[in-house]
C-alpha atoms as a PDB file:
ATOM      1  CA  MET A   1      47.613  16.977 128.039  1.00  0.00           C
ATOM      2  CA  ARG A   2      48.699  14.226 130.393  1.00  0.00           C
ATOM      3  CA  GLU A   3      51.196  11.457 129.821  1.00  0.00           C
ATOM      4  CA  GLY A   4      49.431   8.505 128.218  1.00  0.00           C
ATOM      5  CA  ASP A   5      46.572  10.540 126.725  1.00  0.00           C
ATOM      6  CA  ALA A   6      45.387   9.491 123.265  1.00  0.00           C
ATOM      7  CA  VAL A   7      44.336  12.080 120.673  1.00  0.00           C
ATOM      8  CA  ILE A   8      41.904  11.067 117.921  1.00  0.00           C
ATOM      9  CA  ALA A   9      40.934  13.446 115.103  1.00  0.00           C
ATOM     10  CA  VAL A  10      37.368  13.168 113.789  1.00  0.00           C
ATOM     11  CA  MET A  11      36.915  14.412 110.224  1.00  0.00           C
ATOM     12  CA  GLY A  12      34.319  14.375 107.469  1.00  0.00           C
ATOM     13  CA  MET A  13      31.773  16.555 105.721  1.00  0.00           C
ATOM     14  CA  THR A  14      29.451  18.852 107.625  1.00  0.00           C
ATOM     15  CA  GLY A  15      26.458  16.754 108.674  1.00  0.00           C
ATOM     16  CA  SER A  16      28.300  13.432 108.619  1.00  0.00           C
ATOM     17  CA  GLY A  17      27.864  13.050 112.381  1.00  0.00           C
ATOM     18  CA  LYS A  18      31.183  14.217 113.854  1.00  0.00           C
ATOM     19  CA  SER A  19      29.747  15.965 116.919  1.00  0.00           C
ATOM     20  CA  THR A  20      27.284  13.143 117.547  1.00  0.00           C
ATOM     21  CA  PHE A  21      30.079  10.561 117.353  1.00  0.00           C
ATOM     22  CA  ILE A  22      32.181  12.498 119.861  1.00  0.00           C
ATOM     23  CA  SER A  23      29.203  13.084 122.170  1.00  0.00           C
ATOM     24  CA  TYR A  24      29.058   9.330 122.879  1.00  0.00           C
ATOM     25  CA  PHE A  25      32.286   9.824 124.828  1.00  0.00           C
ATOM     26  CA  CYS A  26      32.403  13.503 125.843  1.00  0.00           C
ATOM     27  CA  ASP A  27      29.875  15.668 127.674  1.00  0.00           C
ATOM     28  CA  THR A  28      31.315  18.844 126.147  1.00  0.00           C
ATOM     29  CA  ALA A  29      30.500  17.759 122.591  1.00  0.00           C
ATOM     30  CA  ALA A  30      26.700  17.761 122.822  1.00  0.00           C
ATOM     31  CA  ALA A  31      25.580  17.964 119.193  1.00  0.00           C
ATOM     32  CA  GLY A  32      23.954  21.218 118.257  1.00  0.00           C
ATOM     33  CA  HIS A  33      24.906  23.283 121.313  1.00  0.00           C
ATOM     34  CA  GLY A  34      24.385  26.292 119.073  1.00  0.00           C
ATOM     35  CA  LEU A  35      27.533  28.282 119.900  1.00  0.00           C
ATOM     36  CA  ARG A  36      29.808  27.297 117.064  1.00  0.00           C
ATOM     37  CA  SER A  37      29.835  30.198 114.645  1.00  0.00           C
ATOM     38  CA  VAL A  38      30.444  30.094 110.921  1.00  0.00           C
ATOM     39  CA  THR A  39      34.188  30.271 111.644  1.00  0.00           C
ATOM     40  CA  ALA A  40      33.925  26.633 112.817  1.00  0.00           C
ATOM     41  CA  LEU A  41      37.167  26.347 114.739  1.00  0.00           C
ATOM     42  CA  VAL A  42      38.747  23.035 115.709  1.00  0.00           C
ATOM     43  CA  GLU A  43      37.413  21.861 119.089  1.00  0.00           C
ATOM     44  CA  ALA A  44      38.967  19.303 121.441  1.00  0.00           C
ATOM     45  CA  HIS A  45      36.917  17.252 123.936  1.00  0.00           C
ATOM     46  CA  VAL A  46      38.091  14.987 126.765  1.00  0.00           C
ATOM     47  CA  SER A  47      36.411  11.601 127.235  1.00  0.00           C
ATOM     48  CA  ARG A  48      34.386  11.190 130.417  1.00  0.00           C
ATOM     49  CA  GLU A  49      35.941   7.770 131.045  1.00  0.00           C
ATOM     50  CA  ARG A  50      39.050   5.886 130.044  1.00  0.00           C
ATOM     51  CA  ILE A  51      39.026   3.629 127.003  1.00  0.00           C
ATOM     52  CA  ARG A  52      41.504   0.753 126.951  1.00  0.00           C
ATOM     53  CA  GLY A  53      43.045   2.364 130.011  1.00  0.00           C
ATOM     54  CA  ARG A  54      43.662   5.734 128.345  1.00  0.00           C
ATOM     55  CA  ARG A  55      42.042   9.128 128.564  1.00  0.00           C
ATOM     56  CA  VAL A  56      41.012  10.048 125.019  1.00  0.00           C
ATOM     57  CA  ILE A  57      40.886  13.549 123.562  1.00  0.00           C
ATOM     58  CA  PHE A  58      38.612  13.784 120.523  1.00  0.00           C
ATOM     59  CA  VAL A  59      39.260  16.588 118.047  1.00  0.00           C
ATOM     60  CA  ASP A  60      36.223  17.860 116.134  1.00  0.00           C
ATOM     61  CA  THR A  61      37.216  19.459 112.820  1.00  0.00           C
ATOM     62  CA  PRO A  62      35.353  21.535 110.217  1.00  0.00           C
ATOM     63  CA  GLY A  63      34.597  19.770 106.940  1.00  0.00           C
ATOM     64  CA  PHE A  64      35.940  20.667 103.519  1.00  0.00           C
ATOM     65  CA  ASP A  65      33.449  22.021 100.954  1.00  0.00           C
ATOM     66  CA  ASP A  66      31.428  23.687 103.713  1.00  0.00           C
ATOM     67  CA  THR A  67      28.889  26.108 102.212  1.00  0.00           C
ATOM     68  CA  THR A  68      29.923  28.867 104.645  1.00  0.00           C
ATOM     69  CA  ARG A  69      33.707  28.643 104.240  1.00  0.00           C
ATOM     70  CA  SER A  70      36.219  28.072 101.480  1.00  0.00           C
ATOM     71  CA  ASN A  71      38.439  25.001 101.462  1.00  0.00           C
ATOM     72  CA  THR A  72      41.374  27.364 101.959  1.00  0.00           C
ATOM     73  CA  GLU A  73      39.987  28.630 105.275  1.00  0.00           C
ATOM     74  CA  VAL A  74      39.070  25.126 106.451  1.00  0.00           C
ATOM     75  CA  LEU A  75      42.570  23.865 105.646  1.00  0.00           C
ATOM     76  CA  ARG A  76      44.204  26.825 107.386  1.00  0.00           C
ATOM     77  CA  GLU A  77      42.280  26.036 110.567  1.00  0.00           C
ATOM     78  CA  ILE A  78      42.909  22.273 110.532  1.00  0.00           C
ATOM     79  CA  ALA A  79      46.554  22.551 109.449  1.00  0.00           C
ATOM     80  CA  SER A  80      47.297  25.243 112.022  1.00  0.00           C
ATOM     81  CA  TRP A  81      45.948  23.102 114.853  1.00  0.00           C
ATOM     82  CA  LEU A  82      47.625  19.915 113.642  1.00  0.00           C
ATOM     83  CA  ALA A  83      50.994  21.533 112.967  1.00  0.00           C
ATOM     84  CA  ASP A  84      50.980  23.352 116.299  1.00  0.00           C
ATOM     85  CA  THR A  85      50.219  20.205 118.278  1.00  0.00           C
ATOM     86  CA  TYR A  86      52.927  18.330 116.369  1.00  0.00           C
ATOM     87  CA  ALA A  87      55.423  21.057 117.246  1.00  0.00           C
ATOM     88  CA  HIS A  88      54.537  20.436 120.909  1.00  0.00           C
ATOM     89  CA  ASP A  89      55.196  16.695 120.412  1.00  0.00           C
ATOM     90  CA  ILE A  90      51.476  15.852 120.607  1.00  0.00           C
ATOM     91  CA  LYS A  91      50.734  13.130 118.065  1.00  0.00           C
ATOM     92  CA  LEU A  92      47.534  11.417 117.005  1.00  0.00           C
ATOM     93  CA  ALA A  93      46.587   7.919 118.086  1.00  0.00           C
ATOM     94  CA  GLY A  94      44.434   7.817 114.976  1.00  0.00           C
ATOM     95  CA  ALA A  95      41.961   9.575 112.697  1.00  0.00           C
ATOM     96  CA  VAL A  96      38.295   8.807 112.045  1.00  0.00           C
ATOM     97  CA  TYR A  97      36.755   9.831 108.717  1.00  0.00           C
ATOM     98  CA  LEU A  98      32.934   9.873 108.681  1.00  0.00           C
ATOM     99  CA  HIS A  99      30.739   9.617 105.586  1.00  0.00           C
ATOM    100  CA  GLY A 100      26.937   9.704 105.621  1.00  0.00           C
ATOM    101  CA  ILE A 101      25.702   6.535 103.907  1.00  0.00           C
ATOM    102  CA  GLN A 102      22.221   8.011 103.473  1.00  0.00           C
ATOM    103  CA  MET A 103      23.382   9.958 100.419  1.00  0.00           C
ATOM    104  CA  PRO A 104      22.262   8.094  97.266  1.00  0.00           C
ATOM    105  CA  ARG A 105      25.497   8.906  95.453  1.00  0.00           C
ATOM    106  CA  VAL A 106      28.927  10.308  96.203  1.00  0.00           C
ATOM    107  CA  GLY A 107      28.730  13.856  94.886  1.00  0.00           C
ATOM    108  CA  GLY A 108      31.492  16.283  94.060  1.00  0.00           C
ATOM    109  CA  SER A 109      31.720  17.685  97.588  1.00  0.00           C
ATOM    110  CA  ALA A 110      31.978  14.238  99.168  1.00  0.00           C
ATOM    111  CA  HIS A 111      34.600  13.160  96.659  1.00  0.00           C
ATOM    112  CA  THR A 112      36.609  16.330  97.317  1.00  0.00           C
ATOM    113  CA  ASN A 113      36.457  15.692 101.063  1.00  0.00           C
ATOM    114  CA  MET A 114      37.781  12.161 100.638  1.00  0.00           C
ATOM    115  CA  ARG A 115      40.633  13.249  98.409  1.00  0.00           C
ATOM    116  CA  LEU A 116      41.697  16.104 100.685  1.00  0.00           C
ATOM    117  CA  PHE A 117      41.501  13.852 103.738  1.00  0.00           C
ATOM    118  CA  ARG A 118      43.863  11.386 102.074  1.00  0.00           C
ATOM    119  CA  GLU A 119      46.297  14.134 101.071  1.00  0.00           C
ATOM    120  CA  LEU A 120      46.148  15.568 104.590  1.00  0.00           C
ATOM    121  CA  CYS A 121      46.967  12.233 106.237  1.00  0.00           C
ATOM    122  CA  GLY A 122      49.327  10.703 103.693  1.00  0.00           C
ATOM    123  CA  ASP A 123      49.388   7.040 102.698  1.00  0.00           C
ATOM    124  CA  GLU A 124      52.047   6.282 105.313  1.00  0.00           C
ATOM    125  CA  SER A 125      49.516   7.146 108.062  1.00  0.00           C
ATOM    126  CA  MET A 126      46.663   5.000 106.740  1.00  0.00           C
ATOM    127  CA  ALA A 127      47.253   2.145 109.202  1.00  0.00           C
ATOM    128  CA  SER A 128      45.943   4.499 111.906  1.00  0.00           C
ATOM    129  CA  VAL A 129      42.799   5.556 110.013  1.00  0.00           C
ATOM    130  CA  ALA A 130      39.200   4.366 110.402  1.00  0.00           C
ATOM    131  CA  LEU A 131      36.890   5.031 107.441  1.00  0.00           C
ATOM    132  CA  VAL A 132      33.361   5.051 108.829  1.00  0.00           C
ATOM    133  CA  THR A 133      29.906   5.155 107.256  1.00  0.00           C
ATOM    134  CA  THR A 134      27.202   6.813 109.365  1.00  0.00           C
ATOM    135  CA  HIS A 135      23.457   7.533 109.314  1.00  0.00           C
ATOM    136  CA  TRP A 136      22.443   3.938 108.654  1.00  0.00           C
ATOM    137  CA  SER A 137      18.709   3.364 108.320  1.00  0.00           C
ATOM    138  CA  ARG A 138      16.682   1.009 110.499  1.00  0.00           C
ATOM    139  CA  SER A 139      14.669  -0.062 107.456  1.00  0.00           C
ATOM    140  CA  SER A 140      15.903  -3.417 106.132  1.00  0.00           C
ATOM    141  CA  GLU A 141      14.993  -2.379 102.590  1.00  0.00           C
ATOM    142  CA  GLU A 142      16.999   0.850 102.783  1.00  0.00           C
ATOM    143  CA  ARG A 143      19.925  -0.947 104.414  1.00  0.00           C
ATOM    144  CA  VAL A 144      20.269  -3.217 101.379  1.00  0.00           C
ATOM    145  CA  ALA A 145      20.927  -0.186  99.163  1.00  0.00           C
ATOM    146  CA  GLN A 146      23.148   1.377 101.823  1.00  0.00           C
ATOM    147  CA  GLN A 147      25.217  -1.796 102.102  1.00  0.00           C
ATOM    148  CA  GLN A 148      25.778  -1.653  98.348  1.00  0.00           C
ATOM    149  CA  ARG A 149      26.980   1.950  98.679  1.00  0.00           C
ATOM    150  CA  HIS A 150      29.251   0.980 101.581  1.00  0.00           C
ATOM    151  CA  ASP A 151      30.765  -1.836  99.512  1.00  0.00           C
ATOM    152  CA  GLU A 152      31.261   0.551  96.591  1.00  0.00           C
ATOM    153  CA  LEU A 153      33.116   3.021  98.811  1.00  0.00           C
ATOM    154  CA  VAL A 154      35.449   0.297 100.053  1.00  0.00           C
ATOM    155  CA  GLY A 155      36.000  -1.341  96.676  1.00  0.00           C
ATOM    156  CA  ASP A 156      36.250   1.613  94.282  1.00  0.00           C
ATOM    157  CA  ASP A 157      39.604   3.245  93.500  1.00  0.00           C
ATOM    158  CA  ALA A 158      37.816   6.605  93.219  1.00  0.00           C
ATOM    159  CA  PHE A 159      36.785   6.453  96.870  1.00  0.00           C
ATOM    160  CA  TRP A 160      38.307   4.394  99.722  1.00  0.00           C
ATOM    161  CA  ARG A 161      39.965   1.411  98.030  1.00  0.00           C
ATOM    162  CA  GLY A 162      43.415   3.003  97.843  1.00  0.00           C
ATOM    163  CA  MET A 163      43.324   3.998 101.506  1.00  0.00           C
ATOM    164  CA  VAL A 164      42.154   0.525 102.560  1.00  0.00           C
ATOM    165  CA  GLN A 165      44.953  -1.076 100.533  1.00  0.00           C
ATOM    166  CA  ARG A 166      47.430   1.048 102.474  1.00  0.00           C
ATOM    167  CA  GLY A 167      46.140  -0.011 105.859  1.00  0.00           C
ATOM    168  CA  ALA A 168      42.975   1.961 106.633  1.00  0.00           C
ATOM    169  CA  ARG A 169      40.022  -0.048 107.921  1.00  0.00           C
ATOM    170  CA  ALA A 170      36.365   0.495 106.995  1.00  0.00           C
ATOM    171  CA  PHE A 171      33.606   0.381 109.619  1.00  0.00           C
ATOM    172  CA  LYS A 172      29.834   0.639 109.743  1.00  0.00           C
ATOM    173  CA  HIS A 173      28.750   2.953 112.546  1.00  0.00           C
ATOM    174  CA  ASP A 174      25.184   1.690 112.854  1.00  0.00           C
ATOM    175  CA  ARG A 175      24.773   0.823 116.535  1.00  0.00           C
ATOM    176  CA  GLY A 176      25.194   4.149 118.294  1.00  0.00           C
ATOM    177  CA  PRO A 177      27.668   4.143 121.200  1.00  0.00           C
ATOM    178  CA  THR A 178      28.408   0.424 120.759  1.00  0.00           C
ATOM    179  CA  SER A 179      29.813   0.739 117.236  1.00  0.00           C
ATOM    180  CA  ALA A 180      31.454   4.082 118.088  1.00  0.00           C
ATOM    181  CA  ARG A 181      33.361   2.486 120.965  1.00  0.00           C
ATOM    182  CA  ARG A 182      34.424  -0.443 118.774  1.00  0.00           C
ATOM    183  CA  ILE A 183      35.967   2.013 116.307  1.00  0.00           C
ATOM    184  CA  VAL A 184      37.833   3.927 119.006  1.00  0.00           C
ATOM    185  CA  GLU A 185      39.076   0.741 120.666  1.00  0.00           C
ATOM    186  CA  TYR A 186      40.377  -0.448 117.300  1.00  0.00           C
ATOM    187  CA  LEU A 187      42.396   2.760 116.801  1.00  0.00           C
ATOM    188  CA  LEU A 188      43.801   2.628 120.321  1.00  0.00           C
ATOM    189  CA  GLY A 189      44.765  -0.996 119.776  1.00  0.00           C
ATOM    190  CA  ARG A 190      46.497  -0.121 116.509  1.00  0.00           C
ATOM    191  CA  ASP A 191      48.355   2.715 118.204  1.00  0.00           C
ATOM    192  CA  ALA A 192      49.579   0.362 120.923  1.00  0.00           C
ATOM    193  CA  ASP A 193      50.555  -2.436 118.520  1.00  0.00           C
ATOM    194  CA  VAL A 194      52.040  -0.398 115.654  1.00  0.00           C
ATOM    195  CA  ASN A 195      53.239   2.828 117.278  1.00  0.00           C
ATOM    196  CA  GLY A 196      53.930   1.666 120.825  1.00  0.00           C
ATOM    197  CA  GLY A 197      51.283   4.124 122.032  1.00  0.00           C
ATOM    198  CA  ARG A 198      53.357   7.069 120.839  1.00  0.00           C
ATOM    199  CA  GLY A 199      51.008   8.214 118.086  1.00  0.00           C
ATOM    200  CA  ILE A 200      51.649   9.185 114.474  1.00  0.00           C
ATOM    201  CA  GLY A 201      52.370  12.312 112.494  1.00  0.00           C
ATOM    202  CA  LEU A 202      50.104  13.073 109.552  1.00  0.00           C
ATOM    203  CA  ARG A 203      51.669  14.127 106.270  1.00  0.00           C
ATOM    204  CA  VAL A 204      50.675  17.802 106.612  1.00  0.00           C
ATOM    205  CA  GLN A 205      52.189  17.886 110.113  1.00  0.00           C
ATOM    206  CA  ARG A 206      55.520  16.542 108.918  1.00  0.00           C
ATOM    207  CA  GLU A 207      55.542  18.834 105.893  1.00  0.00           C
ATOM    208  CA  MET A 208      54.937  22.017 107.874  1.00  0.00           C
ATOM    209  CA  ALA A 209      57.341  20.962 110.622  1.00  0.00           C
ATOM    210  CA  GLY A 210      59.923  20.673 107.840  1.00  0.00           C
ATOM    211  CA  GLY A 211      59.363  24.310 106.876  1.00  0.00           C
ATOM    212  CA  ALA A 212      56.880  23.970 104.002  1.00  0.00           C
ATOM    213  CA  THR A 213      54.353  26.729 103.467  1.00  0.00           C
ATOM    214  CA  LEU A 214      50.761  25.544 103.311  1.00  0.00           C
ATOM    215  CA  ASP A 215      50.534  25.793  99.519  1.00  0.00           C
ATOM    216  CA  ARG A 216      53.593  23.503  99.275  1.00  0.00           C
ATOM    217  CA  THR A 217      52.008  20.701 101.282  1.00  0.00           C
ATOM    218  CA  ALA A 218      50.250  17.889  99.420  1.00  0.00           C
ATOM    219  CA  VAL A 219      46.791  18.910 100.606  1.00  0.00           C
ATOM    220  CA  GLY A 220      47.500  22.602  99.999  1.00  0.00           C
ATOM    221  CA  ALA A 221      48.694  21.862  96.470  1.00  0.00           C
ATOM    222  CA  ALA A 222      45.479  19.914  95.800  1.00  0.00           C
ATOM    223  CA  ILE A 223      43.369  22.885  96.883  1.00  0.00           C
ATOM    224  CA  GLU A 224      45.517  25.317  94.911  1.00  0.00           C
ATOM    225  CA  ALA A 225      45.065  23.188  91.778  1.00  0.00           C
ATOM    226  CA  ARG A 226      41.291  23.526  92.160  1.00  0.00           C
ATOM    227  CA  ILE A 227      41.641  27.279  92.644  1.00  0.00           C
ATOM    228  CA  GLU A 228      43.748  27.521  89.476  1.00  0.00           C
ATOM    229  CA  ALA A 229      41.077  25.622  87.550  1.00  0.00           C
ATOM    230  CA  MET A 230      38.386  27.998  88.834  1.00  0.00           C
ATOM    231  CA  GLN A 231      40.507  31.010  87.908  1.00  0.00           C
ATOM    232  CA  ALA A 232      41.021  29.683  84.394  1.00  0.00           C
ATOM    233  CA  ALA A 233      37.278  29.110  83.999  1.00  0.00           C
ATOM    234  CA  TYR A 234      36.441  32.617  85.244  1.00  0.00           C
ATOM    235  CA  GLU A 235      39.066  34.213  82.998  1.00  0.00           C
ATOM    236  CA  SER A 236      37.630  32.350  80.002  1.00  0.00           C
ATOM    237  CA  GLN A 237      34.116  33.534  80.855  1.00  0.00           C
ATOM    238  CA  LEU A 238      35.387  37.084  81.320  1.00  0.00           C
ATOM    239  CA  GLY A 239      36.979  36.978  77.887  1.00  0.00           C
ATOM    240  CA  ASP A 240      33.680  35.859  76.349  1.00  0.00           C
ATOM    241  CA  LEU A 241      31.767  38.627  78.139  1.00  0.00           C
ATOM    242  CA  ARG A 242      34.235  41.312  77.083  1.00  0.00           C
ATOM    243  CA  ARG A 243      33.920  40.242  73.453  1.00  0.00           C
ATOM    244  CA  GLU A 244      30.127  40.125  73.736  1.00  0.00           C
ATOM    245  CA  LEU A 245      30.077  43.608  75.248  1.00  0.00           C
ATOM    246  CA  ASP A 246      32.399  45.048  72.577  1.00  0.00           C
ATOM    247  CA  GLU A 247      30.276  43.546  69.790  1.00  0.00           C
ATOM    248  CA  ALA A 248      27.064  44.860  71.349  1.00  0.00           C
ATOM    249  CA  ARG A 249      28.445  48.377  71.602  1.00  0.00           C
ATOM    250  CA  ARG A 250      29.802  48.329  68.047  1.00  0.00           C
ATOM    251  CA  ALA A 251      26.585  47.002  66.564  1.00  0.00           C
ATOM    252  CA  ARG A 252      24.411  49.448  68.540  1.00  0.00           C
ATOM    253  CA  GLN A 253      21.654  46.860  68.141  1.00  0.00           C
ATOM    254  CA  VAL A 254      21.410  45.982  71.825  1.00  0.00           C
ATOM    255  CA  ASN A 255      19.500  48.207  74.219  1.00  0.00           C
ATOM    256  CA  GLU A 256      21.126  49.810  77.238  1.00  0.00           C
ATOM    257  CA  ARG A 257      19.428  47.346  79.574  1.00  0.00           C
ATOM    258  CA  LYS A 258      21.116  44.389  77.870  1.00  0.00           C
ATOM    259  CA  ILE A 259      24.482  46.148  77.973  1.00  0.00           C
ATOM    260  CA  GLY A 260      23.942  46.850  81.669  1.00  0.00           C
ATOM    261  CA  GLU A 261      23.255  43.166  82.308  1.00  0.00           C
ATOM    262  CA  ILE A 262      26.490  42.176  80.575  1.00  0.00           C
ATOM    263  CA  VAL A 263      28.445  44.761  82.577  1.00  0.00           C
ATOM    264  CA  GLU A 264      26.975  43.483  85.860  1.00  0.00           C
ATOM    265  CA  GLU A 265      27.784  39.885  84.947  1.00  0.00           C
ATOM    266  CA  ARG A 266      31.338  40.928  84.123  1.00  0.00           C
ATOM    267  CA  ARG A 267      31.711  42.685  87.487  1.00  0.00           C
ATOM    268  CA  ALA A 268      30.414  39.618  89.307  1.00  0.00           C
ATOM    269  CA  LEU A 269      32.959  37.423  87.527  1.00  0.00           C
ATOM    270  CA  GLU A 270      35.750  39.874  88.311  1.00  0.00           C
ATOM    271  CA  ASP A 271      34.757  39.723  91.995  1.00  0.00           C
ATOM    272  CA  ARG A 272      34.876  35.920  91.905  1.00  0.00           C
ATOM    273  CA  LEU A 273      38.281  35.997  90.249  1.00  0.00           C
ATOM    274  CA  ARG A 274      39.628  38.341  92.933  1.00  0.00           C
ATOM    275  CA  ASP A 275      38.178  36.032  95.585  1.00  0.00           C
ATOM    276  CA  GLU A 276      40.041  33.050  94.102  1.00  0.00           C
ATOM    277  CA  GLN A 277      43.237  35.106  94.057  1.00  0.00           C
ATOM    278  CA  ARG A 278      42.760  35.913  97.757  1.00  0.00           C
ATOM    279  CA  LYS A 279      42.322  32.219  98.513  1.00  0.00           C
ATOM    280  CA  ARG A 280      45.636  31.411  96.812  1.00  0.00           C
ATOM    281  CA  HIS A 281      47.355  34.149  98.782  1.00  0.00           C
ATOM    282  CA  ARG A 282      45.915  32.771 102.049  1.00  0.00           C
ATOM    283  CA  LEU A 283      47.619  29.418 101.355  1.00  0.00           C
ATOM    284  CA  ARG A 284      51.070  30.996 101.194  1.00  0.00           C
ATOM    285  CA  VAL A 285      51.762  30.935 104.910  1.00  0.00           C
ATOM    286  CA  ASP A 286      54.233  29.129 107.134  1.00  0.00           C
ATOM    287  CA  LEU A 287      53.580  27.661 110.580  1.00  0.00           C
ATOM    288  CA  ASP A 288      54.589  30.775 112.539  1.00  0.00           C
ATOM    289  CA  ARG A 289      52.174  32.981 110.652  1.00  0.00           C
ATOM    290  CA  LEU A 290      49.406  30.396 110.917  1.00  0.00           C
ATOM    291  CA  ARG A 291      49.899  30.297 114.694  1.00  0.00           C
ATOM    292  CA  GLN A 292      49.620  34.064 114.988  1.00  0.00           C
ATOM    293  CA  GLU A 293      46.515  34.269 112.837  1.00  0.00           C
ATOM    294  CA  ARG A 294      44.800  31.332 114.545  1.00  0.00           C
ATOM    295  CA  SER A 295      45.371  32.976 117.920  1.00  0.00           C
ATOM    296  CA  ALA A 296      43.580  36.067 116.625  1.00  0.00           C
ATOM    297  CA  ASP A 297      40.762  33.880 115.250  1.00  0.00           C
ATOM    298  CA  LEU A 298      40.306  32.224 118.643  1.00  0.00           C
ATOM    299  CA  GLN A 299      40.060  35.583 120.378  1.00  0.00           C
ATOM    300  CA  ARG A 300      37.453  36.832 117.905  1.00  0.00           C
ATOM    301  CA  GLU A 301      35.465  33.612 118.221  1.00  0.00           C
ATOM    302  CA  ALA A 302      35.469  33.805 122.021  1.00  0.00           C
ATOM    303  CA  GLU A 303      34.248  37.390 121.884  1.00  0.00           C
ATOM    304  CA  ASN A 304      31.471  36.423 119.446  1.00  0.00           C
ATOM    305  CA  VAL A 305      30.357  33.633 121.776  1.00  0.00           C
ATOM    306  CA  ARG A 306      30.309  35.943 124.786  1.00  0.00           C
ATOM    307  CA  HIS A 307      28.278  38.518 122.880  1.00  0.00           C
ATOM    308  CA  MET A 308      25.837  35.877 121.617  1.00  0.00           C
ATOM    309  CA  LEU A 309      25.290  34.538 125.123  1.00  0.00           C
ATOM    310  CA  GLU A 310      24.736  37.981 126.584  1.00  0.00           C
ATOM    311  CA  GLU A 311      22.068  38.619 123.951  1.00  0.00           C
ATOM    312  CA  ARG A 312      20.375  35.268 124.639  1.00  0.00           C
ATOM    313  CA  ILE A 313      20.346  35.756 128.395  1.00  0.00           C
ATOM    314  CA  THR A 314      19.020  39.303 128.020  1.00  0.00           C
ATOM    315  CA  ALA A 315      16.282  38.021 125.699  1.00  0.00           C
ATOM    316  CA  ILE A 316      15.329  35.216 128.105  1.00  0.00           C
ATOM    317  CA  ILE A 317      14.901  37.679 130.966  1.00  0.00           C
ATOM    318  CA  ALA A 318      13.104  40.307 128.856  1.00  0.00           C
ATOM    319  CA  GLU A 319      10.691  37.863 127.210  1.00  0.00           C
ATOM    320  CA  SER A 320       9.781  35.886 130.341  1.00  0.00           C
ATOM    321  CA  PRO A 321       6.231  36.647 131.610  1.00  0.00           C
ATOM    322  CA  LEU A 322       6.124  38.505 134.911  1.00  0.00           C
ATOM    323  CA  ASP A 323       4.205  35.663 136.554  1.00  0.00           C
ATOM    324  CA  LEU A 324       6.712  33.000 135.432  1.00  0.00           C
ATOM    325  CA  ASP A 325       8.375  31.134 138.276  1.00  0.00           C
ATOM    326  CA  PRO A 326      11.829  32.744 138.798  1.00  0.00           C
ATOM    327  CA  ARG A 327      13.327  29.264 139.092  1.00  0.00           C
ATOM    328  CA  VAL A 328      12.350  28.531 135.478  1.00  0.00           C
ATOM    329  CA  VAL A 329      14.074  31.704 134.312  1.00  0.00           C
ATOM    330  CA  ARG A 330      17.209  30.834 136.309  1.00  0.00           C
ATOM    331  CA  GLU A 331      17.274  27.333 134.794  1.00  0.00           C
ATOM    332  CA  ARG A 332      17.088  28.749 131.271  1.00  0.00           C
ATOM    333  CA  VAL A 333      19.883  31.207 131.992  1.00  0.00           C
ATOM    334  CA  GLN A 334      22.001  28.442 133.521  1.00  0.00           C
ATOM    335  CA  ARG A 335      21.513  26.287 130.409  1.00  0.00           C
ATOM    336  CA  GLU A 336      22.879  29.082 128.244  1.00  0.00           C
ATOM    337  CA  ARG A 337      25.852  29.527 130.560  1.00  0.00           C
ATOM    338  CA  GLY A 338      26.422  25.772 130.449  1.00  0.00           C
ATOM    339  CA  LYS A 339      26.668  25.968 126.659  1.00  0.00           C
ATOM    340  CA  ARG A 340      29.371  28.590 127.028  1.00  0.00           C
ATOM    341  CA  ARG A 341      31.312  26.429 129.478  1.00  0.00           C
ATOM    342  CA  ARG A 342      31.180  23.459 127.080  1.00  0.00           C
ATOM    343  CA  TYR A 343      32.384  25.639 124.243  1.00  0.00           C
ATOM    344  CA  GLU A 344      35.242  27.132 126.269  1.00  0.00           C
ATOM    345  CA  GLN A 345      36.347  23.691 127.452  1.00  0.00           C
ATOM    346  CA  GLY A 346      36.473  22.552 123.838  1.00  0.00           C
ATOM    347  CA  GLN A 347      38.742  25.468 122.949  1.00  0.00           C
ATOM    348  CA  LYS A 348      40.998  25.224 126.013  1.00  0.00           C
ATOM    349  CA  CYS A 349      41.676  21.490 126.003  1.00  0.00           C
ATOM    350  CA  PHE A 350      45.197  22.210 124.736  1.00  0.00           C
ATOM    351  CA  VAL A 351      47.204  25.117 126.006  1.00  0.00           C
ATOM    352  CA  MET A 352      49.675  26.339 123.422  1.00  0.00           C
END
């Protein structure tokens, strides 16, 4: 970090366009570079040029309700990074929340993402937030329906209305780099006018800096409430299955195959219940423990990337025809090594 740098967090569901948005400004954020594993760590990328006179560092974050990770693990990663930067007096110039407007309706996952984003930031930080719809169609007919969905997001209390009322601003990101730059310039202008260019602290940052464990933060409590609801549902289903199994055994009217099916279903539910219990336990961490565990995660991720690249390079060399121009092989190998460099730069933007 350099004096005067601006840090902007980019959040939203997987597939909402976070990496593409950042790639308009940063060479290291080329969408789909193929090296981010299912652990999906936070990545920071430095802008190739100054915007409003400032070097901008964009922070790419994993989305809640990802199919490959629990909300607990996503929150641990985001909160660890945010709380650690805050402890080093690195504050955000703003946050961008992206939502794909191509979806015909706001489903449960999208609604969960919005709610957790708001709890993460806190209403007092909303003046430094841009709520952005992405993936706009070029078809005029489709854009009519998309505009209606955009208006619903902004005007409905269930979605963005509360955040807008507290200072967030809604944008349409429908003109590639032009609209992306307008959004970033707006946030930098707000930071200069409202915060004197010093940045803001999000709610989860202030909470953890004050000594709260993750489950005691607003966003952690929201996730824990969902876990409790899932546990209650699983326990209810387990009770039903146990009664069904007892009745089947007493009646001796159900064949062994049916009893086996009930037993397997019960075991599966017990596994799910234990998984929910593990998620709750993983929320009960303070900042120091999060730092230690994130450091270990980063080391594992780096090793996975190195191993993946070695396998790719070996495969490129082994599968190349003997008569192929050696320059072509070298170019392919160099491309793979370039992907590694971009990944490593994203991880090493901040030294903590």
